[in-house]
């Protein structure tokens, strides 16, 4: 088995492990996707299987490093979620480690008023 395939299998297992701990809750979850240039997050209601709100750094016109952009995405997503009436959510980091841009996005959500 190639090294790339092994890494992809590990990544998918990690994502399933993280999501399995969040699925039993009736709270909406914040799902995060990180690419090389941008970061995006969406608030998903698993009971209705609908995306409530979403936000991406490609939508926002923020300057600065990637951490600052992730923080701004968190604040904007929290603002949009508050408009929809969401106060509490679960944070689904997927296969990403909780540091750097993922942590900055979570801090932005907390600063915006969403309890994680």
N, C-alpha and C. Protein backbone atom coordinates (compact mmCIF):
# COMPACT_ATOMS: atom_id res chain seq x y z
N UNK A 1 0.85 -1.17 0.00
CA UNK A 1 0.00 0.00 0.00
C UNK A 1 0.90 1.23 0.00
N UNK A 2 0.54 2.20 -0.80
CA UNK A 2 1.37 3.39 -0.90
C UNK A 2 1.22 4.26 0.34
N UNK A 3 2.19 5.12 0.51
CA UNK A 3 2.20 6.01 1.67
C UNK A 3 1.05 7.01 1.60
N UNK A 4 0.71 7.49 0.42
CA UNK A 4 -0.40 8.44 0.27
C UNK A 4 -1.71 7.79 0.67
N UNK A 5 -1.91 6.56 0.25
CA UNK A 5 -3.15 5.87 0.60
C UNK A 5 -3.24 5.60 2.10
N UNK A 6 -2.12 5.24 2.72
CA UNK A 6 -2.11 5.03 4.17
C UNK A 6 -2.48 6.31 4.91
N UNK A 7 -1.92 7.43 4.46
CA UNK A 7 -2.23 8.71 5.11
C UNK A 7 -3.69 9.08 4.94
N UNK A 8 -4.26 8.82 3.76
CA UNK A 8 -5.67 9.10 3.54
C UNK A 8 -6.56 8.24 4.41
N UNK A 9 -6.19 6.98 4.61
CA UNK A 9 -6.96 6.09 5.48
C UNK A 9 -6.89 6.58 6.92
N UNK A 10 -5.72 6.97 7.37
CA UNK A 10 -5.56 7.49 8.73
C UNK A 10 -6.40 8.75 8.94
N UNK A 11 -6.38 9.62 7.93
CA UNK A 11 -7.13 10.87 8.02
C UNK A 11 -8.64 10.60 8.10
N UNK A 12 -9.12 9.69 7.28
CA UNK A 12 -10.56 9.40 7.31
C UNK A 12 -10.96 8.73 8.61
N UNK A 13 -10.12 7.86 9.15
CA UNK A 13 -10.42 7.22 10.44
C UNK A 13 -10.48 8.26 11.56
N UNK A 14 -9.55 9.20 11.53
CA UNK A 14 -9.53 10.25 12.55
C UNK A 14 -10.79 11.10 12.46
N UNK A 15 -11.22 11.42 11.24
CA UNK A 15 -12.42 12.22 11.05
C UNK A 15 -13.66 11.47 11.54
N UNK A 16 -13.76 10.17 11.23
CA UNK A 16 -14.90 9.37 11.70
C UNK A 16 -14.90 9.27 13.22
N UNK A 17 -13.71 9.15 13.82
CA UNK A 17 -13.62 9.05 15.27
C UNK A 17 -14.10 10.33 15.94
N UNK A 18 -13.70 11.47 15.39
CA UNK A 18 -14.11 12.76 15.96
C UNK A 18 -15.61 12.95 15.79
N UNK A 19 -16.14 12.64 14.59
CA UNK A 19 -17.56 12.86 14.32
C UNK A 19 -18.45 11.89 15.09
N UNK A 20 -17.96 10.70 15.39
CA UNK A 20 -18.78 9.73 16.11
C UNK A 20 -19.10 10.21 17.52
N UNK A 21 -18.24 11.02 18.08
CA UNK A 21 -18.49 11.56 19.42
C UNK A 21 -19.49 12.70 19.40
N UNK A 22 -19.72 13.28 18.24
CA UNK A 22 -20.62 14.43 18.13
C UNK A 22 -22.01 14.07 17.65
N UNK A 23 -22.18 12.92 17.03
CA UNK A 23 -23.43 12.58 16.36
C UNK A 23 -24.60 12.37 17.32
N UNK A 24 -24.36 11.93 18.55
CA UNK A 24 -25.45 11.60 19.46
C UNK A 24 -26.14 12.84 20.02
N UNK A 25 -25.61 14.00 19.76
CA UNK A 25 -26.17 15.23 20.32
C UNK A 25 -27.22 15.83 19.39
N UNK A 26 -28.17 16.52 19.99
CA UNK A 26 -29.18 17.21 19.20
C UNK A 26 -28.74 18.63 18.84
N UNK A 27 -27.55 19.02 19.30
CA UNK A 27 -27.03 20.35 18.99
C UNK A 27 -26.48 20.39 17.57
N UNK A 28 -26.54 21.54 16.92
CA UNK A 28 -25.90 21.65 15.60
C UNK A 28 -24.38 21.60 15.76
N UNK A 29 -23.69 21.23 14.68
CA UNK A 29 -22.24 21.14 14.75
C UNK A 29 -21.61 22.09 13.73
N UNK A 30 -20.45 22.58 14.09
CA UNK A 30 -19.68 23.45 13.21
C UNK A 30 -18.63 22.58 12.54
N UNK A 31 -18.77 22.37 11.25
CA UNK A 31 -17.84 21.56 10.48
C UNK A 31 -16.84 22.47 9.79
N UNK A 32 -15.55 22.11 9.87
CA UNK A 32 -14.48 22.96 9.37
C UNK A 32 -13.78 22.28 8.20
N UNK A 33 -13.48 23.05 7.16
CA UNK A 33 -12.66 22.58 6.06
C UNK A 33 -11.53 23.57 5.85
N UNK A 34 -10.32 23.04 5.75
CA UNK A 34 -9.14 23.88 5.60
C UNK A 34 -8.42 23.49 4.32
N UNK A 35 -8.16 24.48 3.47
CA UNK A 35 -7.35 24.25 2.29
C UNK A 35 -6.04 25.02 2.44
N UNK A 36 -5.21 25.01 1.42
CA UNK A 36 -3.94 25.71 1.53
C UNK A 36 -4.12 27.22 1.62
N UNK A 37 -5.10 27.76 0.90
CA UNK A 37 -5.29 29.21 0.88
C UNK A 37 -6.43 29.69 1.76
N UNK A 38 -7.52 28.93 1.84
CA UNK A 38 -8.73 29.39 2.52
C UNK A 38 -9.15 28.44 3.62
N UNK A 39 -10.09 28.91 4.42
CA UNK A 39 -10.72 28.08 5.44
C UNK A 39 -12.21 28.37 5.39
N UNK A 40 -13.00 27.34 5.55
CA UNK A 40 -14.45 27.53 5.55
C UNK A 40 -15.06 26.70 6.66
N UNK A 41 -16.21 27.18 7.14
CA UNK A 41 -16.92 26.48 8.20
C UNK A 41 -18.41 26.59 7.94
N UNK A 42 -19.12 25.57 8.35
CA UNK A 42 -20.58 25.62 8.20
C UNK A 42 -21.23 25.02 9.43
N UNK A 43 -22.37 25.54 9.76
CA UNK A 43 -23.17 25.08 10.89
C UNK A 43 -24.22 24.12 10.34
N UNK A 44 -24.16 22.86 10.77
CA UNK A 44 -25.01 21.82 10.21
C UNK A 44 -25.95 21.30 11.29
N UNK A 45 -27.23 21.20 10.94
CA UNK A 45 -28.23 20.58 11.79
C UNK A 45 -28.37 19.12 11.34
N UNK A 46 -27.84 18.18 12.13
CA UNK A 46 -27.81 16.78 11.73
C UNK A 46 -29.19 16.12 11.78
N UNK A 47 -30.08 16.61 12.62
CA UNK A 47 -31.40 16.00 12.69
C UNK A 47 -32.20 16.30 11.42
N UNK A 48 -32.09 17.52 10.91
CA UNK A 48 -32.79 17.90 9.68
C UNK A 48 -31.93 17.68 8.44
N UNK A 49 -30.64 17.38 8.64
CA UNK A 49 -29.68 17.19 7.55
C UNK A 49 -29.62 18.42 6.64
N UNK A 50 -29.53 19.58 7.26
CA UNK A 50 -29.48 20.85 6.54
C UNK A 50 -28.32 21.69 7.05
N UNK A 51 -27.76 22.48 6.16
CA UNK A 51 -26.77 23.48 6.55
C UNK A 51 -27.51 24.75 6.96
N UNK A 52 -27.28 25.20 8.17
CA UNK A 52 -27.98 26.38 8.68
C UNK A 52 -27.31 27.65 8.13
N UNK A 53 -26.02 27.80 8.39
CA UNK A 53 -25.25 28.94 7.87
C UNK A 53 -23.86 28.46 7.50
N UNK A 54 -23.19 29.22 6.65
CA UNK A 54 -21.81 28.91 6.29
C UNK A 54 -21.05 30.20 6.07
N UNK A 55 -19.72 30.08 6.14
CA UNK A 55 -18.86 31.23 5.94
C UNK A 55 -17.49 30.73 5.47
N UNK A 56 -16.85 31.52 4.62
CA UNK A 56 -15.55 31.15 4.08
C UNK A 56 -14.65 32.38 4.04
N UNK A 57 -13.35 32.13 4.10
CA UNK A 57 -12.42 33.25 4.03
C UNK A 57 -12.35 33.82 2.62
N UNK A 58 -12.80 33.08 1.61
CA UNK A 58 -12.83 33.62 0.26
C UNK A 58 -13.96 34.64 0.11
N UNK A 59 -15.00 34.54 0.95
CA UNK A 59 -16.09 35.53 0.94
C UNK A 59 -15.66 36.84 1.59
N UNK A 60 -14.88 36.73 2.64
CA UNK A 60 -14.49 37.90 3.41
C UNK A 60 -13.29 38.57 2.77
N UNK A 61 -13.20 39.86 2.92
CA UNK A 61 -12.10 40.63 2.37
C UNK A 61 -11.15 41.06 3.49
N UNK A 62 -10.67 40.10 4.27
CA UNK A 62 -9.78 40.41 5.37
C UNK A 62 -8.33 40.31 4.91
N UNK A 63 -7.51 41.15 5.46
CA UNK A 63 -6.08 41.13 5.18
C UNK A 63 -5.37 40.48 6.36
N UNK A 64 -4.18 40.05 6.14
CA UNK A 64 -3.39 39.48 7.22
C UNK A 64 -3.05 38.04 6.95
N UNK A 65 -2.51 37.40 7.96
CA UNK A 65 -2.10 36.02 7.80
C UNK A 65 -3.31 35.08 7.87
N UNK A 66 -3.06 33.81 7.70
CA UNK A 66 -4.15 32.84 7.63
C UNK A 66 -4.86 32.68 8.96
N UNK A 67 -4.13 32.84 10.06
CA UNK A 67 -4.77 32.75 11.38
C UNK A 67 -5.76 33.89 11.58
N UNK A 68 -5.39 35.08 11.15
CA UNK A 68 -6.29 36.22 11.28
C UNK A 68 -7.53 36.03 10.42
N UNK A 69 -7.35 35.46 9.25
CA UNK A 69 -8.49 35.18 8.39
C UNK A 69 -9.41 34.15 9.02
N UNK A 70 -8.83 33.10 9.62
CA UNK A 70 -9.64 32.07 10.29
C UNK A 70 -10.40 32.66 11.46
N UNK A 71 -9.77 33.54 12.21
CA UNK A 71 -10.43 34.20 13.33
C UNK A 71 -11.61 35.04 12.84
N UNK A 72 -11.41 35.75 11.74
CA UNK A 72 -12.48 36.57 11.16
C UNK A 72 -13.64 35.71 10.66
N UNK A 73 -13.33 34.53 10.11
CA UNK A 73 -14.37 33.60 9.66
C UNK A 73 -15.18 33.12 10.87
N UNK A 74 -14.51 32.84 11.98
CA UNK A 74 -15.21 32.42 13.19
C UNK A 74 -16.15 33.48 13.72
N UNK A 75 -15.70 34.72 13.72
CA UNK A 75 -16.54 35.82 14.21
C UNK A 75 -17.75 36.00 13.29
N UNK A 76 -17.52 35.96 11.98
CA UNK A 76 -18.62 36.16 11.03
C UNK A 76 -19.62 35.00 11.09
N UNK A 77 -19.13 33.78 11.25
CA UNK A 77 -20.03 32.63 11.36
C UNK A 77 -20.86 32.72 12.64
N UNK A 78 -20.24 33.17 13.72
CA UNK A 78 -20.98 33.35 14.97
C UNK A 78 -22.07 34.40 14.81
N UNK A 79 -21.76 35.47 14.10
CA UNK A 79 -22.75 36.52 13.88
C UNK A 79 -23.94 35.99 13.06
N UNK A 80 -23.65 35.24 12.02
CA UNK A 80 -24.71 34.67 11.18
C UNK A 80 -25.53 33.64 11.95
N UNK A 81 -24.86 32.85 12.81
CA UNK A 81 -25.57 31.85 13.60
C UNK A 81 -26.47 32.51 14.63
N UNK A 82 -26.01 33.61 15.23
CA UNK A 82 -26.83 34.34 16.19
C UNK A 82 -28.08 34.88 15.53
N UNK A 83 -27.95 35.32 14.27
CA UNK A 83 -29.12 35.82 13.53
C UNK A 83 -30.15 34.72 13.30
N UNK A 84 -29.68 33.47 13.18
CA UNK A 84 -30.58 32.32 12.99
C UNK A 84 -31.08 31.75 14.31
N UNK A 85 -30.56 32.25 15.44
CA UNK A 85 -31.04 31.82 16.74
C UNK A 85 -30.24 30.69 17.37
N UNK A 86 -29.04 30.46 16.91
CA UNK A 86 -28.20 29.39 17.46
C UNK A 86 -27.26 29.99 18.49
N UNK A 87 -27.27 29.44 19.70
CA UNK A 87 -26.41 29.92 20.77
C UNK A 87 -25.32 28.93 21.15
N UNK A 88 -25.62 27.63 21.02
CA UNK A 88 -24.70 26.56 21.43
C UNK A 88 -24.50 25.62 20.24
N UNK A 89 -23.26 25.17 20.05
CA UNK A 89 -22.97 24.24 18.96
C UNK A 89 -21.80 23.35 19.36
N UNK A 90 -21.69 22.22 18.68
CA UNK A 90 -20.55 21.32 18.85
C UNK A 90 -19.52 21.65 17.78
N UNK A 91 -18.24 21.54 18.11
CA UNK A 91 -17.17 21.88 17.17
C UNK A 91 -16.62 20.61 16.57
N UNK A 92 -16.77 20.44 15.26
CA UNK A 92 -16.29 19.28 14.52
C UNK A 92 -15.04 19.68 13.75
N UNK A 93 -13.89 19.32 14.28
CA UNK A 93 -12.63 19.68 13.64
C UNK A 93 -12.25 18.74 12.52
N UNK A 94 -13.00 17.65 12.37
CA UNK A 94 -12.71 16.69 11.32
C UNK A 94 -11.39 15.98 11.58
N UNK A 95 -10.55 15.89 10.58
CA UNK A 95 -9.27 15.21 10.72
C UNK A 95 -8.14 16.16 11.08
N UNK A 96 -8.47 17.44 11.29
CA UNK A 96 -7.44 18.43 11.58
C UNK A 96 -7.16 18.50 13.07
N UNK A 97 -5.91 18.77 13.41
CA UNK A 97 -5.53 18.93 14.81
C UNK A 97 -6.02 20.29 15.31
N UNK A 98 -6.29 20.36 16.60
CA UNK A 98 -6.83 21.59 17.19
C UNK A 98 -5.68 22.52 17.57
N UNK A 99 -5.09 23.15 16.57
CA UNK A 99 -4.10 24.19 16.77
C UNK A 99 -4.02 25.02 15.50
N UNK A 100 -3.38 26.15 15.59
CA UNK A 100 -3.21 26.99 14.42
C UNK A 100 -4.51 27.61 13.95
N UNK A 101 -4.82 27.42 12.66
CA UNK A 101 -6.00 28.05 12.07
C UNK A 101 -7.30 27.49 12.63
N UNK A 102 -7.34 26.20 12.95
CA UNK A 102 -8.55 25.59 13.50
C UNK A 102 -8.84 26.19 14.88
N UNK A 103 -7.80 26.34 15.68
CA UNK A 103 -7.97 26.93 17.00
C UNK A 103 -8.38 28.39 16.90
N UNK A 104 -7.82 29.13 15.94
CA UNK A 104 -8.18 30.54 15.75
C UNK A 104 -9.64 30.66 15.35
N UNK A 105 -10.13 29.76 14.51
CA UNK A 105 -11.55 29.78 14.12
C UNK A 105 -12.44 29.51 15.33
N UNK A 106 -12.06 28.55 16.17
CA UNK A 106 -12.84 28.25 17.36
C UNK A 106 -12.85 29.43 18.33
N UNK A 107 -11.72 30.09 18.47
CA UNK A 107 -11.68 31.27 19.35
C UNK A 107 -12.54 32.40 18.80
N UNK A 108 -12.56 32.54 17.48
CA UNK A 108 -13.43 33.54 16.86
C UNK A 108 -14.90 33.24 17.10
N UNK A 109 -15.27 31.96 17.06
CA UNK A 109 -16.65 31.57 17.36
C UNK A 109 -17.01 31.93 18.80
N UNK A 110 -16.11 31.62 19.71
CA UNK A 110 -16.36 31.93 21.13
C UNK A 110 -16.44 33.43 21.35
N UNK A 111 -15.57 34.17 20.69
CA UNK A 111 -15.58 35.62 20.82
C UNK A 111 -16.86 36.21 20.24
N UNK A 112 -17.40 35.58 19.20
CA UNK A 112 -18.64 36.04 18.60
C UNK A 112 -19.88 35.69 19.40
N UNK A 113 -19.75 34.84 20.41
CA UNK A 113 -20.87 34.55 21.31
C UNK A 113 -21.46 33.17 21.18
N UNK A 114 -20.84 32.29 20.42
CA UNK A 114 -21.33 30.91 20.32
C UNK A 114 -20.58 30.06 21.35
N UNK A 115 -21.34 29.32 22.14
CA UNK A 115 -20.75 28.45 23.14
C UNK A 115 -20.41 27.11 22.50
N UNK A 116 -19.14 26.74 22.57
CA UNK A 116 -18.68 25.46 21.98
C UNK A 116 -18.38 24.49 23.10
